[in-house]
């Protein structure tokens, strides 16, 4: 029965990824190719796959898209550049400047298609003012380990950039722009996807300062100088946004619904806890463990298995020096909270195939996970304290490794209660 349960959980995750694949999900939202000049730009972990889907329908196009190393796809016209994520690098910086130069050449009567997915915050790199790439990298690194929610991180990133917070759209004005967005953020707010390069934002430099103070993040003097001056972020009513249409074509809710349909077809009851969960990974895991144990206790003998599904984006406040990510940390904390409860299996993975900075999607836990860990000389409590969940599951052989999935609709979690 254990292998059957684990197999189902893996197939639920695979289904969640499959339905978000741009080659299957983008076509319904792409209009006929406009007459006249068409330029395609974009960034994100799914952006090259999105570009591939566009050219499958429109044929070769002029354009430039920036994706993560290893996530490139073959395109005939659109140039695909691979750059670093989650910490930006020189290649991303250079490619972003070339993208802005390309948009400087469009005008009235031209059409710009922007392809934006999660990861664009790091891949679109154009520091504001005198901020250097090193300064940008320093702030990004501190944000990633601070415990700040993704929405707060993106507010900071917008005000330190010349391309985020609607500024990519401003660079294309007065051309008409359609932005196709793949959501990887809780709540599917277009302004938060990739830090909203085609969407205005009402936040201010004062908001940024409050976030930096809240999470005790010290920044270079160049960052403080930018925050003391005029922000380039566009207000939501800015006229340069008037020729932009932002459309979300893939979102976490669609993937959870697809997983639900599969689970029900396999003879399970399903409860969706939400597609926009946020919070500290280990704390959410503790609450989910309590819920799972309560369900198991209250369900009548002979009931069908129950699947608890959830999405969103959890965070990790880094205290140790291990290798981990929010999905693996959630799984490890869940295993500890369940303490070997029989009949409960779970999976937690990032749909982009990368949990944190590791090339691992996530992990799966079983009723005997802690027992096998003890037999292998692993201490689960220490691994959690060290933020070392990936190494823990690597030793157990319970990592989920997918390689590049070419899509990104945030975290996927499923708990099967037998």
Protein backbone atom coordinates (compact mmCIF):
# COMPACT_ATOMS: atom_id res chain seq x y z
CA UNK A 1 0.00 0.00 0.00
CA UNK A 2 2.90 2.37 0.74
CA UNK A 3 4.18 2.24 -2.82
CA UNK A 4 0.65 2.82 -4.17
CA UNK A 5 0.24 5.90 -1.99
CA UNK A 6 3.64 7.31 -2.95
CA UNK A 7 2.99 6.68 -6.64
CA UNK A 8 -0.31 8.55 -6.48
CA UNK A 9 1.28 11.54 -4.79
CA UNK A 10 3.96 11.74 -7.45
CA UNK A 11 1.36 11.52 -10.20
CA UNK A 12 -0.68 14.30 -8.60
CA UNK A 13 2.39 16.53 -8.68
CA UNK A 14 3.14 15.59 -12.27
CA UNK A 15 -0.45 16.43 -13.25
CA UNK A 16 -0.18 19.83 -11.55
CA UNK A 17 2.95 20.56 -13.59
CA UNK A 18 1.53 19.18 -16.83
CA UNK A 19 -1.58 21.39 -16.97
CA UNK A 20 0.55 24.52 -16.48
CA UNK A 21 2.91 23.70 -19.37
CA UNK A 22 2.75 26.73 -21.71
CA UNK A 23 2.64 24.40 -24.71
CA UNK A 24 -0.76 23.28 -23.43
CA UNK A 25 -2.05 26.33 -21.57
CA UNK A 26 -0.96 29.43 -23.53
CA UNK A 27 -2.64 28.98 -26.93
CA UNK A 28 -6.14 29.86 -25.72
CA UNK A 29 -4.94 33.31 -24.61
CA UNK A 30 -2.86 34.23 -27.66
CA UNK A 31 -4.65 36.31 -30.32
CA UNK A 32 -3.92 36.08 -34.02
CA UNK A 33 -0.56 37.57 -34.87
CA UNK A 34 -1.04 41.32 -35.47
CA UNK A 35 -0.09 42.93 -38.74
CA UNK A 36 2.96 45.17 -38.64
CA UNK A 37 5.98 44.93 -36.38
CA UNK A 38 5.73 42.44 -33.52
CA UNK A 39 8.36 42.24 -30.77
CA UNK A 40 8.40 39.53 -28.09
CA UNK A 41 10.15 40.11 -24.77
CA UNK A 42 10.03 38.23 -21.53
CA UNK A 43 11.70 36.77 -18.49
CA UNK A 44 11.21 33.98 -16.00
CA UNK A 45 11.78 30.28 -15.50
CA UNK A 46 8.89 29.45 -17.86
CA UNK A 47 9.51 32.27 -20.35
CA UNK A 48 11.52 30.26 -22.90
CA UNK A 49 8.82 27.59 -22.99
CA UNK A 50 6.27 30.39 -23.41
CA UNK A 51 8.29 31.77 -26.33
CA UNK A 52 8.41 28.30 -27.86
CA UNK A 53 4.61 28.07 -27.56
CA UNK A 54 4.21 31.49 -29.21
CA UNK A 55 6.37 30.58 -32.19
CA UNK A 56 4.51 27.27 -32.57
CA UNK A 57 1.43 29.41 -33.34
CA UNK A 58 2.85 32.61 -34.83
CA UNK A 59 6.00 31.34 -36.50
CA UNK A 60 9.40 33.01 -36.05
CA UNK A 61 9.25 36.32 -34.16
CA UNK A 62 11.63 39.15 -33.37
CA UNK A 63 12.44 39.31 -29.69
CA UNK A 64 14.51 38.52 -26.61
CA UNK A 65 13.61 36.38 -23.60
CA UNK A 66 15.71 35.73 -20.49
CA UNK A 67 15.37 32.44 -18.61
CA UNK A 68 17.24 30.47 -15.97
CA UNK A 69 20.33 28.42 -16.81
CA UNK A 70 19.17 25.05 -18.14
CA UNK A 71 15.67 26.28 -19.05
CA UNK A 72 16.27 27.38 -22.66
CA UNK A 73 14.05 26.12 -25.47
CA UNK A 74 14.58 26.11 -29.24
CA UNK A 75 13.13 29.18 -30.98
CA UNK A 76 13.62 30.26 -34.58
CA UNK A 77 13.38 34.02 -34.21
CA UNK A 78 13.21 34.92 -30.51
CA UNK A 79 16.65 35.03 -28.89
CA UNK A 80 16.77 32.99 -25.69
CA UNK A 81 19.34 34.08 -23.09
CA UNK A 82 20.11 31.98 -20.02
CA UNK A 83 21.12 33.83 -16.86
CA UNK A 84 21.40 33.26 -13.11
CA UNK A 85 18.54 32.78 -10.66
CA UNK A 86 17.83 33.52 -7.81
CA UNK A 87 20.90 35.79 -7.56
CA UNK A 88 21.32 37.87 -10.77
CA UNK A 89 24.53 37.87 -12.78
CA UNK A 90 26.32 39.86 -15.49
CA UNK A 91 24.63 37.96 -18.30
CA UNK A 92 21.19 38.85 -16.97
CA UNK A 93 22.29 42.45 -16.58
CA UNK A 94 23.58 42.65 -20.16
CA UNK A 95 20.52 40.90 -21.61
CA UNK A 96 18.16 43.25 -19.78
CA UNK A 97 19.96 46.28 -21.19
CA UNK A 98 19.64 44.81 -24.69
CA UNK A 99 15.94 44.22 -24.08
CA UNK A 100 15.46 47.86 -23.09
CA UNK A 101 17.37 48.93 -26.21
CA UNK A 102 15.06 46.74 -28.31
CA UNK A 103 11.96 48.33 -26.79
CA UNK A 104 13.37 51.79 -27.34
CA UNK A 105 12.91 51.13 -31.05
CA UNK A 106 9.17 50.37 -30.95
CA UNK A 107 6.45 52.98 -31.27
CA UNK A 108 2.89 53.78 -32.23
CA UNK A 109 1.39 50.98 -34.33
CA UNK A 110 3.83 48.32 -33.14
CA UNK A 111 2.82 45.39 -30.95
CA UNK A 112 4.82 44.04 -28.00
CA UNK A 113 4.11 40.64 -26.45
CA UNK A 114 5.57 40.29 -22.96
CA UNK A 115 5.98 36.81 -21.48
CA UNK A 116 6.43 36.93 -17.70
CA UNK A 117 6.68 34.11 -15.16
CA UNK A 118 8.17 33.59 -11.73
CA UNK A 119 11.91 34.15 -11.71
CA UNK A 120 11.69 37.37 -13.70
CA UNK A 121 12.60 39.36 -10.58
CA UNK A 122 16.16 38.02 -10.69
CA UNK A 123 16.46 37.54 -14.45
CA UNK A 124 15.37 41.09 -15.38
CA UNK A 125 18.25 43.01 -13.89
CA UNK A 126 18.64 46.76 -14.38
CA UNK A 127 19.70 48.41 -11.09
CA UNK A 128 18.45 51.94 -10.46
CA UNK A 129 20.73 54.91 -9.83
CA UNK A 130 24.27 54.02 -8.86
CA UNK A 131 23.41 50.59 -7.51
CA UNK A 132 25.94 48.08 -8.84
CA UNK A 133 25.27 44.48 -9.73
CA UNK A 134 27.18 43.50 -6.58
CA UNK A 135 24.91 45.73 -4.53
CA UNK A 136 21.83 44.19 -6.15
CA UNK A 137 23.17 40.69 -5.47
CA UNK A 138 23.82 41.56 -1.83
CA UNK A 139 20.28 42.82 -1.25
CA UNK A 140 18.75 39.83 -3.06
CA UNK A 141 20.74 37.37 -0.99
CA UNK A 142 19.74 39.03 2.27
CA UNK A 143 16.08 39.10 1.25
CA UNK A 144 16.07 35.40 0.37
CA UNK A 145 17.27 34.31 3.82
CA UNK A 146 15.40 36.94 5.84
CA UNK A 147 12.03 35.19 6.15
CA UNK A 148 10.26 38.04 4.34
CA UNK A 149 7.20 37.06 2.27
CA UNK A 150 7.53 37.15 -1.52
CA UNK A 151 5.28 40.22 -1.74
CA UNK A 152 7.59 42.16 0.54
CA UNK A 153 10.66 41.04 -1.38
CA UNK A 154 9.10 42.24 -4.62
CA UNK A 155 8.29 45.68 -3.21
CA UNK A 156 11.98 46.12 -2.42
CA UNK A 157 13.09 44.82 -5.80
CA UNK A 158 10.77 47.17 -7.71
CA UNK A 159 12.16 50.33 -6.19
CA UNK A 160 15.76 49.29 -6.82
CA UNK A 161 15.15 48.62 -10.51
CA UNK A 162 14.72 50.41 -13.84
CA UNK A 163 12.55 47.65 -15.31
CA UNK A 164 10.17 46.41 -12.60
CA UNK A 165 6.98 47.99 -11.27
CA UNK A 166 5.59 48.82 -14.73
CA UNK A 167 8.86 50.18 -16.10
CA UNK A 168 9.17 47.51 -18.82
CA UNK A 169 5.78 48.63 -20.14
CA UNK A 170 6.88 52.25 -19.97
CA UNK A 171 9.92 51.38 -22.09
CA UNK A 172 7.59 50.08 -24.84
CA UNK A 173 5.14 53.01 -24.74
CA UNK A 174 3.32 54.04 -26.94
CA UNK A 175 3.30 50.59 -28.60
CA UNK A 176 0.42 48.30 -27.72
CA UNK A 177 1.43 45.57 -25.27
CA UNK A 178 -0.12 42.25 -24.29
CA UNK A 179 1.51 40.70 -21.22
CA UNK A 180 0.83 36.99 -20.72
CA UNK A 181 1.59 36.07 -17.13
CA UNK A 182 2.09 32.74 -15.38
CA UNK A 183 1.34 33.21 -11.70
CA UNK A 184 3.66 31.88 -9.04
CA UNK A 185 2.47 34.21 -6.28
CA UNK A 186 -0.19 33.76 -3.59
CA UNK A 187 -3.35 35.55 -4.69
CA UNK A 188 -2.31 35.79 -8.37
CA UNK A 189 -1.71 39.55 -8.15
CA UNK A 190 -0.18 40.58 -11.53
CA UNK A 191 1.81 43.30 -9.76
CA UNK A 192 3.70 40.63 -7.80
CA UNK A 193 4.48 38.19 -10.64
CA UNK A 194 8.14 38.77 -11.47
CA UNK A 195 7.89 42.06 -9.53
CA UNK A 196 5.33 43.37 -12.03
CA UNK A 197 7.42 44.69 -14.95
CA UNK A 198 4.22 45.50 -16.86
CA UNK A 199 2.04 46.52 -13.90
CA UNK A 200 1.93 49.73 -11.87
CA UNK A 201 2.41 49.74 -8.11
CA UNK A 202 1.26 52.09 -5.35
CA UNK A 203 4.12 51.29 -2.96
CA UNK A 204 6.68 53.94 -2.06
CA UNK A 205 10.36 54.10 -1.06
CA UNK A 206 9.11 54.58 2.51
CA UNK A 207 7.44 51.17 2.27
CA UNK A 208 10.77 49.71 1.18
CA UNK A 209 12.56 51.26 4.13
CA UNK A 210 9.95 49.81 6.50
CA UNK A 211 10.44 46.32 5.04
CA UNK A 212 14.22 46.56 5.31
CA UNK A 213 13.89 47.71 8.92
CA UNK A 214 11.34 45.00 9.74
CA UNK A 215 13.72 42.26 8.60
CA UNK A 216 16.89 44.01 9.81
CA UNK A 217 18.45 44.11 6.35
CA UNK A 218 21.43 46.43 5.98
CA UNK A 219 21.94 47.79 2.45
CA UNK A 220 24.78 49.51 0.56
CA UNK A 221 24.89 53.31 0.54
CA UNK A 222 23.89 53.31 -3.15
CA UNK A 223 20.59 51.64 -2.24
CA UNK A 224 19.89 54.21 0.45
CA UNK A 225 20.58 56.97 -2.07
CA UNK A 226 18.06 55.52 -4.53
CA UNK A 227 15.43 55.24 -1.81
CA UNK A 228 16.02 58.85 -0.84
CA UNK A 229 15.33 60.03 -4.39
CA UNK A 230 12.55 59.73 -6.94
CA UNK A 231 11.28 56.21 -7.64
CA UNK A 232 10.82 55.09 -11.23
CA UNK A 233 8.00 52.71 -10.28
CA UNK A 234 4.83 53.65 -12.16
CA UNK A 235 1.66 54.47 -10.26
CA UNK A 236 -1.28 52.26 -11.30
CA UNK A 237 -2.95 55.15 -13.19
CA UNK A 238 0.12 56.20 -15.17
CA UNK A 239 -0.81 56.92 -18.80
CA UNK A 240 2.07 54.73 -20.04
CA UNK A 241 0.18 51.72 -18.70
CA UNK A 242 -2.92 52.62 -20.67
CA UNK A 243 -1.88 50.56 -23.71
CA UNK A 244 -1.05 47.41 -21.71
CA UNK A 245 -3.30 44.38 -21.20
CA UNK A 246 -2.17 42.00 -18.47
CA UNK A 247 -3.57 38.46 -18.67
CA UNK A 248 -2.87 35.52 -16.37
CA UNK A 249 -3.02 32.34 -18.44
CA UNK A 250 -1.82 29.80 -15.86
CA UNK A 251 -2.22 29.84 -12.08
CA UNK A 252 -1.84 27.54 -9.05
CA UNK A 253 -5.61 27.08 -8.68
CA UNK A 254 -5.80 25.38 -12.10
CA UNK A 255 -3.08 22.92 -11.14
CA UNK A 256 -4.71 22.09 -7.82
CA UNK A 257 -8.05 21.49 -9.54
CA UNK A 258 -6.40 19.15 -12.04
CA UNK A 259 -4.76 17.24 -9.19
CA UNK A 260 -8.11 17.07 -7.41
CA UNK A 261 -9.79 15.57 -10.47
CA UNK A 262 -7.09 12.93 -10.76
CA UNK A 263 -7.26 12.06 -7.05
CA UNK A 264 -11.04 11.70 -7.18
CA UNK A 265 -10.76 9.50 -10.26
CA UNK A 266 -8.37 7.32 -8.23
CA UNK A 267 -10.99 6.82 -5.51
CA UNK A 268 -9.96 9.52 -3.02
CA UNK A 269 -11.84 12.28 -1.27
CA UNK A 270 -10.16 15.67 -1.65
CA UNK A 271 -10.01 18.87 0.38
CA UNK A 272 -8.20 21.90 -1.06
CA UNK A 273 -6.74 23.98 1.77
CA UNK A 274 -6.03 26.91 -0.54
CA UNK A 275 -3.79 27.92 -3.44
CA UNK A 276 -2.30 30.98 -1.74
CA UNK A 277 -0.84 29.74 1.54
CA UNK A 278 2.01 31.78 3.00
CA UNK A 279 4.05 31.59 6.18
CA UNK A 280 7.08 29.93 7.69
CA UNK A 281 7.38 26.44 6.18
CA UNK A 282 7.88 24.59 9.45
CA UNK A 283 4.96 26.38 11.12
CA UNK A 284 2.56 25.63 8.26
CA UNK A 285 3.73 22.00 8.34
CA UNK A 286 2.92 21.78 12.05
CA UNK A 287 -0.62 23.04 11.44
CA UNK A 288 -1.12 20.65 8.52
CA UNK A 289 0.07 17.73 10.64
CA UNK A 290 -2.50 18.55 13.32
CA UNK A 291 -5.21 18.77 10.66
CA UNK A 292 -4.19 15.46 9.09
CA UNK A 293 -4.16 13.65 12.43
CA UNK A 294 -7.55 15.09 13.33
CA UNK A 295 -9.03 13.96 10.03
CA UNK A 296 -7.56 10.50 10.48
CA UNK A 297 -9.06 10.20 13.94
CA UNK A 298 -12.50 11.45 12.94
CA UNK A 299 -13.02 9.61 9.64
CA UNK A 300 -15.06 6.42 9.91
CA UNK A 301 -13.31 3.09 9.47
CA UNK A 302 -13.46 2.05 5.82
CA UNK A 303 -13.56 5.61 4.47
CA UNK A 304 -11.89 6.39 1.18
CA UNK A 305 -8.40 7.91 1.47
CA UNK A 306 -8.46 11.69 1.95
CA UNK A 307 -6.09 13.99 0.05
CA UNK A 308 -5.30 17.44 1.43
CA UNK A 309 -4.03 19.73 -1.36
CA UNK A 310 -2.47 23.15 -1.01
CA UNK A 311 -0.41 25.67 -2.94
CA UNK A 312 1.13 29.07 -2.31
CA UNK A 313 4.65 30.08 -1.38
CA UNK A 314 6.13 29.33 2.01
CA UNK A 315 9.25 30.94 3.40
CA UNK A 316 12.29 29.87 5.38
CA UNK A 317 14.11 32.02 7.89
CA UNK A 318 17.63 30.74 7.51
CA UNK A 319 19.33 30.02 10.82
CA UNK A 320 21.64 27.16 9.85
CA UNK A 321 24.14 26.53 7.09
CA UNK A 322 22.53 23.48 5.49
CA UNK A 323 21.07 22.87 2.05
CA UNK A 324 17.33 23.27 2.05
CA UNK A 325 14.30 24.98 0.56
CA UNK A 326 10.76 25.71 1.70
CA UNK A 327 9.26 22.51 0.28
CA UNK A 328 11.87 20.19 1.72
CA UNK A 329 11.76 22.05 5.04
CA UNK A 330 7.97 21.74 5.09
CA UNK A 331 8.24 18.00 4.41
CA UNK A 332 10.83 17.48 7.16
CA UNK A 333 8.84 19.49 9.70
CA UNK A 334 5.69 17.59 8.70
CA UNK A 335 7.41 14.25 9.24
CA UNK A 336 8.53 15.35 12.70
CA UNK A 337 5.07 16.60 13.64
CA UNK A 338 3.39 13.38 12.39
CA UNK A 339 5.97 11.32 14.29
CA UNK A 340 5.49 8.17 12.26
CA UNK A 341 1.69 8.18 12.21
CA UNK A 342 0.60 5.19 10.17
CA UNK A 343 -1.20 5.64 6.88
CA UNK A 344 -0.13 9.24 6.24
CA UNK A 345 2.09 10.07 3.26
CA UNK A 346 2.90 13.50 1.80
CA UNK A 347 4.70 15.29 -1.00
CA UNK A 348 5.90 18.89 -1.18
CA UNK A 349 7.50 20.21 -4.37
CA UNK A 350 8.04 23.41 -6.32
CA UNK A 351 6.41 23.16 -9.73
CA UNK A 352 9.43 24.78 -11.38
CA UNK A 353 11.63 21.89 -10.27
CA UNK A 354 13.81 24.05 -8.03
CA UNK A 355 13.22 24.23 -4.28
CA UNK A 356 15.21 27.16 -2.93
CA UNK A 357 18.57 27.23 -4.67
CA UNK A 358 18.87 23.45 -5.05
CA UNK A 359 18.24 21.55 -8.28
CA UNK A 360 15.64 19.47 -6.46
CA UNK A 361 11.86 19.92 -6.67
CA UNK A 362 11.15 18.76 -3.14
CA UNK A 363 10.58 15.59 -1.15
CA UNK A 364 8.15 12.86 -0.20
CA UNK A 365 7.56 11.55 3.34
CA UNK A 366 6.26 8.19 4.53
CA UNK A 367 5.18 6.75 7.88
CA UNK A 368 8.62 5.17 8.30
CA UNK A 369 10.67 8.25 7.29
CA UNK A 370 11.91 9.00 10.81
CA UNK A 371 12.57 5.32 11.55
CA UNK A 372 14.70 4.97 8.41
CA UNK A 373 16.45 8.24 9.23
CA UNK A 374 17.41 6.99 12.68
CA UNK A 375 18.72 3.77 11.17
CA UNK A 376 20.86 5.82 8.78
CA UNK A 377 22.31 7.91 11.59
CA UNK A 378 20.31 11.01 10.66
CA UNK A 379 18.84 13.32 13.27
CA UNK A 380 15.73 14.94 11.86
CA UNK A 381 15.57 17.62 14.55
CA UNK A 382 19.16 18.70 13.86
CA UNK A 383 18.59 18.73 10.10
CA UNK A 384 15.59 21.03 10.60
CA UNK A 385 17.52 23.30 12.95
CA UNK A 386 20.34 23.53 10.39
CA UNK A 387 17.94 24.18 7.46
CA UNK A 388 19.44 21.01 5.96
CA UNK A 389 16.32 19.26 4.68
CA UNK A 390 17.61 18.55 1.16
CA UNK A 391 20.60 16.63 2.49
CA UNK A 392 18.33 14.74 4.88
CA UNK A 393 16.04 13.52 2.11
CA UNK A 394 18.96 12.83 -0.21
CA UNK A 395 20.33 10.29 2.28
CA UNK A 396 16.87 8.72 2.63
CA UNK A 397 16.45 8.54 -1.14
CA UNK A 398 13.17 10.47 -0.91
CA UNK A 399 14.02 13.58 -2.91
CA UNK A 400 11.84 14.44 -5.91
CA UNK A 401 14.15 15.46 -8.76
CA UNK A 402 12.49 16.53 -12.01
CA UNK A 403 15.04 18.70 -13.79
CA UNK A 404 13.66 21.82 -15.50
CA UNK A 405 9.86 21.54 -15.68
CA UNK A 406 9.63 24.64 -17.95
CA UNK A 407 6.70 25.95 -15.94
CA UNK A 408 6.18 27.70 -12.60
CA UNK A 409 2.90 27.89 -10.68
CA UNK A 410 4.39 27.85 -7.20
CA UNK A 411 4.49 25.17 -4.54
CA UNK A 412 2.43 21.98 -4.61
CA UNK A 413 1.67 20.00 -1.47
CA UNK A 414 -0.44 16.88 -1.04
CA UNK A 415 -1.07 14.83 2.12
CA UNK A 416 -2.68 11.40 1.72
CA UNK A 417 -4.52 10.17 4.82
CA UNK A 418 -5.30 6.46 4.80
